Amino acid sequence: MIANNPRLAAVGSEANQQRARQAGRTQAVLARIAVEALQAQRPSVHRDRWITALQHRISNPDAALAELGQTMTPPMTKHAYAALLRRALRGGGITTEDASNSSEGSRRG
């Protein structure tokens, strides 16, 4: 049982952090594509906010969502930032299918 073995807990924690960093890097690549698509669109109510959230992820690919949310202006929770990022990606034409295909490719190669 991992809870009773500190060494195994540390290994599991490191593995989770590594997966989170990889997911952040993958998300940053998708964010770059979404920013290009959003910049080509006509201005809308949400476009500038979405671009800001996407550029924040691009600038900090290894950061946790909680950290990214706290460093936004105004600061927000990790859940609020994740939702904003999800809407921004969708607004830029990135679907959940695109995201899962991209992460599968990074696991294989």
Protein backbone atom coordinates (compact mmCIF):
# COMPACT_ATOMS: atom_id res chain seq x y z
CA MET A 1 0.00 0.00 0.00
CA ILE A 2 1.47 3.35 -1.05
CA ALA A 3 0.18 5.24 2.02
CA ASN A 4 2.33 3.08 4.30
CA ASN A 5 5.48 3.34 2.21
CA PRO A 6 6.92 6.88 1.98
CA ARG A 7 9.34 5.85 -0.78
CA LEU A 8 6.51 4.62 -3.01
CA ALA A 9 4.46 7.72 -2.24
CA ALA A 10 7.37 9.91 -3.39
CA VAL A 11 7.74 7.89 -6.61
CA GLY A 12 4.00 8.20 -7.27
CA SER A 13 4.08 11.92 -6.57
CA GLU A 14 7.01 12.42 -8.95
CA ALA A 15 5.21 10.43 -11.64
CA ASN A 16 2.11 12.60 -11.23
CA GLN A 17 4.19 15.78 -11.47
CA GLN A 18 5.90 14.49 -14.59
CA ARG A 19 2.53 13.70 -16.22
CA ALA A 20 1.23 17.15 -15.27
CA ARG A 21 4.29 18.86 -16.80
CA GLN A 22 3.91 16.85 -20.01
CA ALA A 23 0.21 17.72 -20.19
CA GLY A 24 1.10 21.40 -19.71
CA ARG A 25 3.63 21.29 -22.55
CA THR A 26 1.09 19.60 -24.82
CA GLN A 27 -1.52 22.16 -23.85
CA ALA A 28 0.95 24.98 -24.62
CA VAL A 29 1.42 23.64 -28.17
CA LEU A 30 -2.36 23.53 -28.66
CA ALA A 31 -2.65 27.01 -27.15
CA ARG A 32 -0.19 28.36 -29.72
CA ILE A 33 -2.39 26.98 -32.53
CA ALA A 34 -5.53 28.40 -30.91
CA VAL A 35 -3.95 31.87 -30.53
CA GLU A 36 -3.16 31.97 -34.24
CA ALA A 37 -6.76 31.01 -35.06
CA LEU A 38 -8.21 33.56 -32.63
CA GLN A 39 -6.00 36.35 -33.97
CA ALA A 40 -7.35 35.65 -37.46
CA GLN A 41 -10.94 36.02 -36.23
CA ARG A 42 -12.93 39.21 -35.90
CA PRO A 43 -12.76 40.80 -32.47
CA SER A 44 -15.37 39.48 -30.04
CA VAL A 45 -16.31 40.00 -26.43
CA HIS A 46 -14.18 37.10 -25.20
CA ARG A 47 -11.36 36.97 -27.74
CA ASP A 48 -8.83 39.18 -25.90
CA ARG A 49 -9.40 37.40 -22.58
CA TRP A 50 -9.00 34.01 -24.28
CA ILE A 51 -5.79 35.09 -26.01
CA THR A 52 -4.40 36.33 -22.67
CA ALA A 53 -5.17 32.98 -21.00
CA LEU A 54 -3.65 31.04 -23.90
CA GLN A 55 -0.50 33.18 -23.99
CA HIS A 56 -0.13 32.70 -20.23
CA ARG A 57 -0.13 28.90 -20.75
CA ILE A 58 2.33 29.24 -23.67
CA SER A 59 4.69 31.31 -21.51
CA ASN A 60 4.49 28.82 -18.62
CA PRO A 61 4.19 25.32 -20.11
CA ASP A 62 5.42 23.53 -16.97
CA ALA A 63 3.34 25.51 -14.47
CA ALA A 64 0.43 23.99 -12.58
CA LEU A 65 -3.06 25.29 -13.26
CA ALA A 66 -3.28 26.65 -9.71
CA GLU A 67 -0.10 28.67 -10.25
CA LEU A 68 -1.32 29.95 -13.62
CA GLY A 69 -4.67 30.97 -12.16
CA GLN A 70 -3.04 32.85 -9.29
CA THR A 71 -0.76 34.78 -11.64
CA MET A 72 -3.59 35.88 -13.95
CA THR A 73 -5.01 39.38 -13.66
CA PRO A 74 -7.27 39.26 -11.74
CA PRO A 75 -6.18 36.11 -9.88
CA MET A 76 -8.50 33.12 -10.17
CA THR A 77 -8.79 29.57 -8.90
CA LYS A 78 -7.28 26.69 -10.81
CA HIS A 79 -10.79 25.57 -11.73
CA ALA A 80 -11.71 28.99 -13.13
CA TYR A 81 -8.45 29.15 -15.10
CA ALA A 82 -8.93 25.61 -16.43
CA ALA A 83 -12.45 26.51 -17.58
CA LEU A 84 -11.21 29.72 -19.22
CA LEU A 85 -8.42 27.82 -20.95
CA ARG A 86 -10.85 25.14 -22.14
CA ARG A 87 -13.20 27.79 -23.60
CA ALA A 88 -10.25 29.61 -25.19
CA LEU A 89 -9.00 26.43 -26.85
CA ARG A 90 -12.51 25.68 -28.11
CA GLY A 91 -12.84 29.28 -29.37
CA GLY A 92 -9.59 28.76 -31.27
CA GLY A 93 -10.95 25.63 -32.91
CA ILE A 94 -9.18 23.09 -30.68
CA THR A 95 -11.52 20.27 -29.66
CA THR A 96 -11.15 17.70 -26.91
CA GLU A 97 -10.46 15.17 -29.63
CA ASP A 98 -7.52 17.28 -30.88
CA ALA A 99 -6.15 17.48 -27.35
CA SER A 100 -6.43 13.74 -26.71
CA ASN A 101 -4.87 12.89 -30.09
CA SER A 102 -1.98 15.23 -29.37
CA SER A 103 -1.34 13.75 -25.93
CA GLU A 104 -1.50 10.19 -27.30
CA GLY A 105 1.15 11.07 -29.86
CA SER A 106 3.41 12.50 -27.18
CA ARG A 107 3.09 9.31 -25.13
CA ARG A 108 4.08 7.15 -28.07
CA GLY A 109 7.06 9.18 -29.20
